[in-house]
Amino acid sequence: MPYRFQDEISTADIAFEAWGETREELFISCAAALLRTMAEAPDQVERRQLLAIRLEQEELDMLLFSFLQELIFYKDARRLLLHADKVHIEQRKDAFTLEASVSGEQIDAGRHRLLVDVKAVTLHRFQVEFGENLWKASVVLDV
């Protein structure tokens, strides 16, 4: 599992650390941790609807922040629980761009046991770094 929850970071919110060998794997791991925060059994979220997400930010950490916020937006606006299936990140001289394929389905109370309602990603202890041949992120979610 390319993420772990960090109970010692925050008592009122939910924190996790995620990792991947590439930036793309890191973003997919963070999306998986976000989905697991919301749904007890993410594997029961079927890939019925496909969406494309395109984002641009000057900094990589803010690109991850925006990506996770976008997934939360879809949960709130369209009641969609989403898996990040494919992520592509390009770095240009003045910005990072992300193109992601995500899929999932509308929340079904009969099939999805929801755990918490994630309101937002916070900037508290938010961090993206590369070290020891791994990309790592620390994320705190407001629930």
N, C-alpha and C. Protein backbone atom coordinates (compact mmCIF):
# COMPACT_ATOMS: atom_id res chain seq x y z
N MET A 1 0.85 -1.17 0.00
CA MET A 1 0.00 0.00 0.00
C MET A 1 0.90 1.24 0.00
N PRO A 2 0.77 2.11 -0.97
CA PRO A 2 1.68 3.25 -1.08
C PRO A 2 1.25 4.48 -0.27
N TYR A 3 0.59 4.25 0.86
CA TYR A 3 0.26 5.34 1.77
C TYR A 3 0.02 4.77 3.15
N ARG A 4 0.12 5.66 4.16
CA ARG A 4 -0.23 5.25 5.53
C ARG A 4 -0.81 6.46 6.24
N PHE A 5 -1.75 6.19 7.13
CA PHE A 5 -2.38 7.26 7.88
C PHE A 5 -1.49 7.62 9.07
N GLN A 6 -1.48 8.91 9.43
CA GLN A 6 -0.64 9.41 10.50
C GLN A 6 -1.52 9.97 11.61
N ASP A 7 -1.85 9.15 12.56
CA ASP A 7 -2.74 9.55 13.66
C ASP A 7 -2.12 10.60 14.56
N GLU A 8 -0.80 10.65 14.63
CA GLU A 8 -0.15 11.57 15.54
C GLU A 8 -0.07 13.01 15.03
N ILE A 9 -0.40 13.26 13.78
CA ILE A 9 -0.30 14.60 13.20
C ILE A 9 -1.46 15.49 13.64
N SER A 10 -2.66 14.97 13.61
CA SER A 10 -3.83 15.78 13.89
C SER A 10 -4.91 14.92 14.54
N THR A 11 -5.54 15.46 15.56
CA THR A 11 -6.59 14.70 16.21
C THR A 11 -7.98 15.00 15.65
N ALA A 12 -8.17 16.19 15.11
CA ALA A 12 -9.49 16.57 14.59
C ALA A 12 -9.61 16.30 13.09
N ASP A 13 -8.50 16.22 12.41
CA ASP A 13 -8.49 15.98 10.97
C ASP A 13 -7.86 14.62 10.70
N ILE A 14 -7.70 14.31 9.43
CA ILE A 14 -7.06 13.05 9.05
C ILE A 14 -5.81 13.37 8.25
N ALA A 15 -4.70 12.77 8.65
CA ALA A 15 -3.43 12.99 7.97
C ALA A 15 -2.92 11.69 7.38
N PHE A 16 -2.24 11.80 6.24
CA PHE A 16 -1.59 10.63 5.66
C PHE A 16 -0.29 11.03 4.99
N GLU A 17 0.55 10.05 4.83
CA GLU A 17 1.77 10.17 4.05
C GLU A 17 1.64 9.20 2.90
N ALA A 18 1.99 9.65 1.70
CA ALA A 18 1.92 8.79 0.52
C ALA A 18 3.25 8.87 -0.22
N TRP A 19 3.50 7.87 -1.07
CA TRP A 19 4.76 7.85 -1.79
C TRP A 19 4.62 7.14 -3.12
N GLY A 20 5.62 7.35 -3.96
CA GLY A 20 5.68 6.69 -5.26
C GLY A 20 7.05 6.91 -5.87
N GLU A 21 7.41 6.03 -6.78
CA GLU A 21 8.71 6.16 -7.44
C GLU A 21 8.74 7.32 -8.43
N THR A 22 7.57 7.70 -8.93
CA THR A 22 7.48 8.84 -9.84
C THR A 22 6.47 9.84 -9.27
N ARG A 23 6.47 11.03 -9.83
CA ARG A 23 5.47 12.03 -9.40
C ARG A 23 4.07 11.50 -9.66
N GLU A 24 3.90 10.85 -10.80
CA GLU A 24 2.60 10.31 -11.17
C GLU A 24 2.12 9.26 -10.16
N GLU A 25 3.02 8.36 -9.77
CA GLU A 25 2.66 7.34 -8.77
C GLU A 25 2.30 7.99 -7.44
N LEU A 26 3.02 9.05 -7.09
CA LEU A 26 2.70 9.78 -5.86
C LEU A 26 1.29 10.34 -5.91
N PHE A 27 0.92 10.98 -7.01
CA PHE A 27 -0.42 11.56 -7.13
C PHE A 27 -1.49 10.48 -7.06
N ILE A 28 -1.25 9.34 -7.70
CA ILE A 28 -2.21 8.23 -7.66
C ILE A 28 -2.33 7.68 -6.24
N SER A 29 -1.21 7.59 -5.53
CA SER A 29 -1.23 7.12 -4.14
C SER A 29 -2.02 8.07 -3.25
N CYS A 30 -1.83 9.37 -3.45
CA CYS A 30 -2.58 10.35 -2.66
C CYS A 30 -4.07 10.26 -2.94
N ALA A 31 -4.43 10.09 -4.20
CA ALA A 31 -5.85 9.94 -4.55
C ALA A 31 -6.43 8.68 -3.91
N ALA A 32 -5.64 7.60 -3.87
CA ALA A 32 -6.11 6.35 -3.24
C ALA A 32 -6.31 6.56 -1.74
N ALA A 33 -5.40 7.28 -1.10
CA ALA A 33 -5.56 7.55 0.34
C ALA A 33 -6.78 8.42 0.59
N LEU A 34 -7.02 9.40 -0.28
CA LEU A 34 -8.21 10.25 -0.15
C LEU A 34 -9.48 9.41 -0.27
N LEU A 35 -9.54 8.54 -1.26
CA LEU A 35 -10.72 7.70 -1.44
C LEU A 35 -10.90 6.77 -0.25
N ARG A 36 -9.82 6.21 0.27
CA ARG A 36 -9.90 5.32 1.43
C ARG A 36 -10.33 6.07 2.69
N THR A 37 -10.02 7.34 2.75
CA THR A 37 -10.47 8.17 3.87
C THR A 37 -11.99 8.29 3.85
N MET A 38 -12.55 8.39 2.66
CA MET A 38 -13.99 8.60 2.52
C MET A 38 -14.80 7.31 2.52
N ALA A 39 -14.25 6.26 1.92
CA ALA A 39 -15.00 5.01 1.75
C ALA A 39 -14.25 3.85 2.39
N GLU A 40 -14.97 3.04 3.14
CA GLU A 40 -14.35 1.91 3.84
C GLU A 40 -13.74 0.90 2.87
N ALA A 41 -14.39 0.69 1.73
CA ALA A 41 -13.92 -0.31 0.77
C ALA A 41 -13.82 0.33 -0.63
N PRO A 42 -12.71 1.01 -0.90
CA PRO A 42 -12.56 1.67 -2.20
C PRO A 42 -12.69 0.72 -3.39
N ASP A 43 -12.35 -0.56 -3.19
CA ASP A 43 -12.46 -1.52 -4.28
C ASP A 43 -13.91 -1.76 -4.69
N GLN A 44 -14.86 -1.36 -3.85
CA GLN A 44 -16.28 -1.49 -4.21
C GLN A 44 -16.79 -0.30 -5.03
N VAL A 45 -15.94 0.72 -5.20
CA VAL A 45 -16.31 1.86 -6.04
C VAL A 45 -16.00 1.45 -7.48
N GLU A 46 -17.05 1.23 -8.24
CA GLU A 46 -16.89 0.76 -9.62
C GLU A 46 -16.52 1.91 -10.55
N ARG A 47 -15.82 1.56 -11.59
CA ARG A 47 -15.35 2.55 -12.57
C ARG A 47 -16.38 2.69 -13.69
N ARG A 48 -17.51 3.32 -13.35
CA ARG A 48 -18.63 3.46 -14.30
C ARG A 48 -18.56 4.74 -15.12
N GLN A 49 -18.04 5.80 -14.52
CA GLN A 49 -17.95 7.08 -15.21
C GLN A 49 -16.49 7.47 -15.35
N LEU A 50 -16.13 7.91 -16.53
CA LEU A 50 -14.76 8.34 -16.80
C LEU A 50 -14.73 9.86 -16.93
N LEU A 51 -13.73 10.47 -16.33
CA LEU A 51 -13.56 11.92 -16.42
C LEU A 51 -12.10 12.24 -16.71
N ALA A 52 -11.89 13.35 -17.34
CA ALA A 52 -10.53 13.86 -17.58
C ALA A 52 -10.35 15.11 -16.74
N ILE A 53 -9.22 15.20 -16.09
CA ILE A 53 -8.88 16.39 -15.29
C ILE A 53 -7.61 16.98 -15.85
N ARG A 54 -7.63 18.28 -16.08
CA ARG A 54 -6.43 18.99 -16.54
C ARG A 54 -6.21 20.18 -15.62
N LEU A 55 -5.02 20.27 -15.05
CA LEU A 55 -4.69 21.34 -14.12
C LEU A 55 -3.31 21.89 -14.42
N GLU A 56 -3.09 23.13 -14.00
CA GLU A 56 -1.77 23.75 -14.15
C GLU A 56 -1.47 24.57 -12.90
N GLN A 57 -0.25 24.44 -12.41
CA GLN A 57 0.21 25.20 -11.26
C GLN A 57 1.70 25.49 -11.43
N GLU A 58 2.14 26.55 -10.78
CA GLU A 58 3.56 26.90 -10.86
C GLU A 58 4.44 25.95 -10.06
N GLU A 59 3.90 25.40 -8.97
CA GLU A 59 4.67 24.52 -8.08
C GLU A 59 4.05 23.13 -8.03
N LEU A 60 4.90 22.12 -7.90
CA LEU A 60 4.42 20.74 -7.87
C LEU A 60 3.52 20.48 -6.67
N ASP A 61 3.88 21.01 -5.51
CA ASP A 61 3.04 20.76 -4.33
C ASP A 61 1.64 21.35 -4.51
N MET A 62 1.55 22.52 -5.11
CA MET A 62 0.23 23.12 -5.33
C MET A 62 -0.55 22.39 -6.42
N LEU A 63 0.16 21.72 -7.32
CA LEU A 63 -0.52 20.88 -8.31
C LEU A 63 -1.18 19.69 -7.62
N LEU A 64 -0.48 19.07 -6.69
CA LEU A 64 -1.07 17.97 -5.92
C LEU A 64 -2.25 18.48 -5.10
N PHE A 65 -2.08 19.62 -4.45
CA PHE A 65 -3.16 20.22 -3.67
C PHE A 65 -4.39 20.42 -4.55
N SER A 66 -4.22 21.01 -5.73
CA SER A 66 -5.34 21.26 -6.65
C SER A 66 -5.99 19.97 -7.13
N PHE A 67 -5.17 18.96 -7.39
CA PHE A 67 -5.68 17.67 -7.85
C PHE A 67 -6.59 17.04 -6.79
N LEU A 68 -6.13 17.01 -5.56
CA LEU A 68 -6.94 16.43 -4.49
C LEU A 68 -8.20 17.26 -4.25
N GLN A 69 -8.08 18.57 -4.32
CA GLN A 69 -9.26 19.44 -4.17
C GLN A 69 -10.28 19.17 -5.28
N GLU A 70 -9.78 18.90 -6.49
CA GLU A 70 -10.67 18.60 -7.62
C GLU A 70 -11.45 17.31 -7.35
N LEU A 71 -10.79 16.31 -6.81
CA LEU A 71 -11.47 15.05 -6.48
C LEU A 71 -12.54 15.28 -5.41
N ILE A 72 -12.24 16.13 -4.44
CA ILE A 72 -13.22 16.47 -3.41
C ILE A 72 -14.38 17.26 -4.02
N PHE A 73 -14.09 18.16 -4.94
CA PHE A 73 -15.13 18.92 -5.62
C PHE A 73 -16.12 17.97 -6.32
N TYR A 74 -15.61 16.98 -7.04
CA TYR A 74 -16.49 16.04 -7.74
C TYR A 74 -17.35 15.25 -6.74
N LYS A 75 -16.78 14.93 -5.58
CA LYS A 75 -17.56 14.24 -4.55
C LYS A 75 -18.70 15.13 -4.07
N ASP A 76 -18.41 16.41 -3.86
CA ASP A 76 -19.43 17.33 -3.36
C ASP A 76 -20.43 17.75 -4.43
N ALA A 77 -19.96 18.10 -5.61
CA ALA A 77 -20.83 18.65 -6.66
C ALA A 77 -21.62 17.58 -7.41
N ARG A 78 -20.99 16.43 -7.65
CA ARG A 78 -21.65 15.39 -8.43
C ARG A 78 -21.85 14.08 -7.67
N ARG A 79 -21.47 14.08 -6.39
CA ARG A 79 -21.58 12.89 -5.54
C ARG A 79 -20.81 11.71 -6.12
N LEU A 80 -19.63 11.98 -6.69
CA LEU A 80 -18.80 10.95 -7.30
C LEU A 80 -17.63 10.57 -6.40
N LEU A 81 -17.43 9.29 -6.23
CA LEU A 81 -16.21 8.77 -5.63
C LEU A 81 -15.32 8.33 -6.78
N LEU A 82 -14.06 8.79 -6.77
CA LEU A 82 -13.21 8.60 -7.94
C LEU A 82 -11.87 7.96 -7.62
N HIS A 83 -11.46 7.08 -8.53
CA HIS A 83 -10.11 6.50 -8.54
C HIS A 83 -9.28 7.31 -9.54
N ALA A 84 -8.03 7.53 -9.24
CA ALA A 84 -7.10 8.11 -10.21
C ALA A 84 -6.49 6.94 -10.97
N ASP A 85 -6.86 6.79 -12.24
CA ASP A 85 -6.40 5.65 -13.03
C ASP A 85 -5.07 5.93 -13.71
N LYS A 86 -4.95 7.12 -14.26
CA LYS A 86 -3.73 7.48 -14.97
C LYS A 86 -3.45 8.96 -14.75
N VAL A 87 -2.21 9.28 -14.47
CA VAL A 87 -1.79 10.66 -14.26
C VAL A 87 -0.54 10.91 -15.09
N HIS A 88 -0.52 12.04 -15.78
CA HIS A 88 0.66 12.45 -16.53
C HIS A 88 0.99 13.88 -16.12
N ILE A 89 2.24 14.10 -15.72
CA ILE A 89 2.68 15.42 -15.29
C ILE A 89 3.83 15.87 -16.18
N GLU A 90 3.73 17.09 -16.66
CA GLU A 90 4.81 17.70 -17.44
C GLU A 90 5.30 18.93 -16.72
N GLN A 91 6.61 19.11 -16.74
CA GLN A 91 7.20 20.31 -16.17
C GLN A 91 7.72 21.18 -17.29
N ARG A 92 7.18 22.38 -17.33
CA ARG A 92 7.67 23.36 -18.28
C ARG A 92 8.47 24.38 -17.50
N LYS A 93 9.07 25.33 -18.16
CA LYS A 93 9.95 26.25 -17.45
C LYS A 93 9.24 27.08 -16.39
N ASP A 94 7.95 27.35 -16.56
CA ASP A 94 7.26 28.19 -15.58
C ASP A 94 6.06 27.54 -14.91
N ALA A 95 5.80 26.25 -15.21
CA ALA A 95 4.62 25.62 -14.62
C ALA A 95 4.66 24.11 -14.79
N PHE A 96 3.86 23.46 -13.96
CA PHE A 96 3.60 22.03 -14.08
C PHE A 96 2.19 21.86 -14.61
N THR A 97 1.98 20.90 -15.51
CA THR A 97 0.64 20.57 -15.97
C THR A 97 0.35 19.11 -15.64
N LEU A 98 -0.90 18.88 -15.33
CA LEU A 98 -1.36 17.54 -15.01
C LEU A 98 -2.52 17.20 -15.92
N GLU A 99 -2.46 16.01 -16.48
CA GLU A 99 -3.59 15.44 -17.19
C GLU A 99 -3.87 14.09 -16.55
N ALA A 100 -5.08 13.93 -16.06
CA ALA A 100 -5.42 12.70 -15.34
C ALA A 100 -6.71 12.11 -15.88
N SER A 101 -6.73 10.79 -15.91
CA SER A 101 -7.96 10.05 -16.18
C SER A 101 -8.42 9.48 -14.85
N VAL A 102 -9.64 9.81 -14.49
CA VAL A 102 -10.21 9.32 -13.25
C VAL A 102 -11.52 8.61 -13.57
N SER A 103 -11.89 7.68 -12.72
CA SER A 103 -13.15 6.97 -12.94
C SER A 103 -13.75 6.58 -11.60
N GLY A 104 -15.05 6.42 -11.63
CA GLY A 104 -15.74 6.04 -10.41
C GLY A 104 -17.24 6.02 -10.63
N GLU A 105 -17.95 6.23 -9.55
CA GLU A 105 -19.41 6.20 -9.64
C GLU A 105 -20.00 7.08 -8.55
N GLN A 106 -21.31 7.33 -8.70
CA GLN A 106 -22.02 8.11 -7.71
C GLN A 106 -22.13 7.34 -6.40
N ILE A 107 -22.13 8.08 -5.33
CA ILE A 107 -22.24 7.48 -4.00
C ILE A 107 -23.57 6.73 -3.91
N ASP A 108 -23.47 5.49 -3.48
CA ASP A 108 -24.64 4.63 -3.30
C ASP A 108 -24.62 4.15 -1.85
N ALA A 109 -25.49 4.71 -1.03
CA ALA A 109 -25.50 4.38 0.40
C ALA A 109 -25.71 2.89 0.65
N GLY A 110 -26.33 2.20 -0.28
CA GLY A 110 -26.54 0.77 -0.13
C GLY A 110 -25.29 -0.06 -0.37
N ARG A 111 -24.34 0.47 -1.12
CA ARG A 111 -23.12 -0.28 -1.43
C ARG A 111 -21.85 0.32 -0.86
N HIS A 112 -21.84 1.62 -0.66
CA HIS A 112 -20.62 2.30 -0.18
C HIS A 112 -20.79 2.68 1.29
N ARG A 113 -19.98 2.10 2.12
CA ARG A 113 -19.99 2.52 3.54
C ARG A 113 -19.04 3.70 3.66
N LEU A 114 -19.63 4.88 3.81
CA LEU A 114 -18.82 6.09 3.91
C LEU A 114 -18.33 6.26 5.34
N LEU A 115 -17.09 6.70 5.47
CA LEU A 115 -16.47 6.86 6.77
C LEU A 115 -16.55 8.29 7.27
N VAL A 116 -16.02 9.23 6.51
CA VAL A 116 -16.06 10.65 6.87
C VAL A 116 -16.30 11.47 5.61
N ASP A 117 -16.78 12.67 5.82
CA ASP A 117 -16.98 13.60 4.72
C ASP A 117 -15.78 14.54 4.69
N VAL A 118 -14.91 14.35 3.71
CA VAL A 118 -13.74 15.23 3.58
C VAL A 118 -14.21 16.55 2.99
N LYS A 119 -13.92 17.64 3.71
CA LYS A 119 -14.31 18.97 3.25
C LYS A 119 -13.26 19.60 2.35
N ALA A 120 -11.97 19.41 2.71
CA ALA A 120 -10.91 20.08 1.96
C ALA A 120 -9.56 19.51 2.33
N VAL A 121 -8.59 19.80 1.48
CA VAL A 121 -7.18 19.57 1.79
C VAL A 121 -6.71 20.83 2.51
N THR A 122 -5.91 20.66 3.55
CA THR A 122 -5.39 21.83 4.25
C THR A 122 -3.94 22.05 3.86
N LEU A 123 -3.45 23.23 4.12
CA LEU A 123 -2.03 23.52 3.90
C LEU A 123 -1.19 23.22 5.13
N HIS A 124 -1.85 22.84 6.23
CA HIS A 124 -1.14 22.48 7.45
C HIS A 124 -0.27 21.26 7.18
N ARG A 125 1.03 21.43 7.32
CA ARG A 125 2.02 20.36 7.12
C ARG A 125 2.00 19.76 5.72
N PHE A 126 1.36 20.43 4.79
CA PHE A 126 1.30 19.92 3.41
C PHE A 126 2.70 20.01 2.82
N GLN A 127 3.16 18.90 2.24
CA GLN A 127 4.53 18.87 1.74
C GLN A 127 4.69 17.82 0.65
N VAL A 128 5.48 18.17 -0.36
CA VAL A 128 5.89 17.21 -1.39
C VAL A 128 7.40 17.30 -1.47
N GLU A 129 8.06 16.14 -1.44
CA GLU A 129 9.52 16.14 -1.51
C GLU A 129 10.02 14.88 -2.20
N PHE A 130 11.24 14.97 -2.68
CA PHE A 130 11.91 13.83 -3.30
C PHE A 130 13.15 13.50 -2.50
N GLY A 131 13.29 12.25 -2.12
CA GLY A 131 14.47 11.81 -1.39
C GLY A 131 14.53 10.30 -1.34
N GLU A 132 15.75 9.77 -1.33
CA GLU A 132 15.96 8.33 -1.29
C GLU A 132 15.20 7.62 -2.41
N ASN A 133 15.23 8.22 -3.59
CA ASN A 133 14.60 7.66 -4.80
C ASN A 133 13.09 7.50 -4.71
N LEU A 134 12.44 8.29 -3.84
CA LEU A 134 10.99 8.25 -3.72
C LEU A 134 10.43 9.66 -3.64
N TRP A 135 9.29 9.85 -4.28
CA TRP A 135 8.50 11.06 -4.08
C TRP A 135 7.60 10.81 -2.89
N LYS A 136 7.52 11.76 -1.97
CA LYS A 136 6.70 11.62 -0.77
C LYS A 136 5.85 12.87 -0.58
N ALA A 137 4.67 12.66 0.00
CA ALA A 137 3.79 13.78 0.32
C ALA A 137 3.20 13.56 1.70
N SER A 138 3.03 14.65 2.41
CA SER A 138 2.29 14.66 3.67
C SER A 138 1.06 15.52 3.47
N VAL A 139 -0.09 14.97 3.83
CA VAL A 139 -1.36 15.65 3.56
C VAL A 139 -2.24 15.57 4.80
N VAL A 140 -2.88 16.70 5.13
CA VAL A 140 -3.87 16.74 6.20
C VAL A 140 -5.21 17.14 5.57
N LEU A 141 -6.23 16.34 5.84
CA LEU A 141 -7.56 16.56 5.28
C LEU A 141 -8.48 17.12 6.37
N ASP A 142 -9.23 18.14 6.03
CA ASP A 142 -10.24 18.70 6.93
C ASP A 142 -11.50 17.86 6.77
N VAL A 143 -11.95 17.26 7.87
CA VAL A 143 -13.14 16.40 7.81
C VAL A 143 -14.25 16.96 8.69
